Amino acid sequence: MAWLAVAIFAVTIVVVIWNVVDSTVAALIGVSVMIWIGVMTDVDAFGRVDWNVMAILVSVWTIAA
């Protein structure tokens, strides 16, 4: 399972680097594939969110707007 997760992560990073799709869309697709394949559950994925970083990003977007 770990190698599968690394492979999905690597493909997602390559897609972002080549600018095939937006990085947010690529990240959501990568996480969705990991959940769909069974690498992690939706509860695990939600638990991995760093809410401090999310708060900082929302604050910066609000100030920039």
Protein backbone atom coordinates (compact mmCIF):
# COMPACT_ATOMS: atom_id res chain seq x y z
CA MET A 1 0.00 0.00 0.00
CA ALA A 2 2.82 2.40 0.78
CA TRP A 3 4.29 2.04 -2.71
CA LEU A 4 0.88 2.65 -4.22
CA ALA A 5 0.50 5.84 -2.17
CA VAL A 6 3.95 7.00 -3.27
CA ALA A 7 3.11 6.28 -6.91
CA ILE A 8 -0.15 8.27 -6.71
CA PHE A 9 1.69 11.11 -4.98
CA ALA A 10 4.42 11.11 -7.64
CA VAL A 11 1.91 11.18 -10.48
CA THR A 12 0.08 14.05 -8.79
CA ILE A 13 3.31 16.03 -8.41
CA VAL A 14 4.25 15.43 -12.06
CA VAL A 15 0.80 16.62 -13.16
CA VAL A 16 1.24 19.80 -11.09
CA ILE A 17 4.77 20.42 -12.40
CA TRP A 18 3.68 19.97 -16.03
CA ASN A 19 0.71 22.25 -15.33
CA VAL A 20 -1.73 19.79 -16.89
CA VAL A 21 -4.47 20.83 -14.46
CA ASP A 22 -4.66 23.29 -11.58
CA SER A 23 -2.75 22.17 -8.50
CA THR A 24 -5.89 22.17 -6.35
CA VAL A 25 -7.72 19.92 -8.80
CA ALA A 26 -4.70 17.61 -9.03
CA ALA A 27 -4.50 17.36 -5.23
CA LEU A 28 -8.22 16.60 -4.92
CA ILE A 29 -7.99 13.95 -7.64
CA GLY A 30 -4.94 12.40 -5.96
CA VAL A 31 -6.69 12.20 -2.60
CA SER A 32 -9.86 10.88 -4.22
CA VAL A 33 -7.90 8.12 -5.94
CA MET A 34 -6.20 7.18 -2.66
CA ILE A 35 -9.59 6.97 -0.93
CA TRP A 36 -11.16 5.09 -3.86
CA ILE A 37 -8.34 2.53 -4.02
CA GLY A 38 -8.35 2.09 -0.25
CA VAL A 39 -4.96 3.54 0.67
CA MET A 40 -6.76 5.68 3.26
CA THR A 41 -10.30 6.26 4.43
CA ASP A 42 -12.16 9.52 4.17
CA VAL A 43 -11.81 9.95 7.95
CA ASP A 44 -8.01 9.53 7.66
CA ALA A 45 -7.88 12.07 4.84
CA PHE A 46 -9.92 14.59 6.85
CA GLY A 47 -7.71 13.98 9.89
CA ARG A 48 -4.58 14.83 7.90
CA VAL A 49 -5.76 18.37 7.12
CA ASP A 50 -3.60 20.97 8.86
CA TRP A 51 -6.24 23.45 10.01
CA ASN A 52 -3.65 26.05 11.04
CA VAL A 53 -2.36 26.21 7.46
CA MET A 54 -5.92 26.37 6.15
CA ALA A 55 -6.66 29.33 8.46
CA ILE A 56 -3.53 31.13 7.28
CA LEU A 57 -4.42 30.57 3.62
CA VAL A 58 -7.98 31.81 4.06
CA SER A 59 -6.68 34.87 5.91
CA VAL A 60 -4.18 35.68 3.18
CA TRP A 61 -6.81 35.21 0.46
CA THR A 62 -9.21 37.49 2.36
CA ILE A 63 -6.58 40.22 2.79
CA ALA A 64 -5.46 39.92 -0.84
CA ALA A 65 -9.01 40.23 -2.11
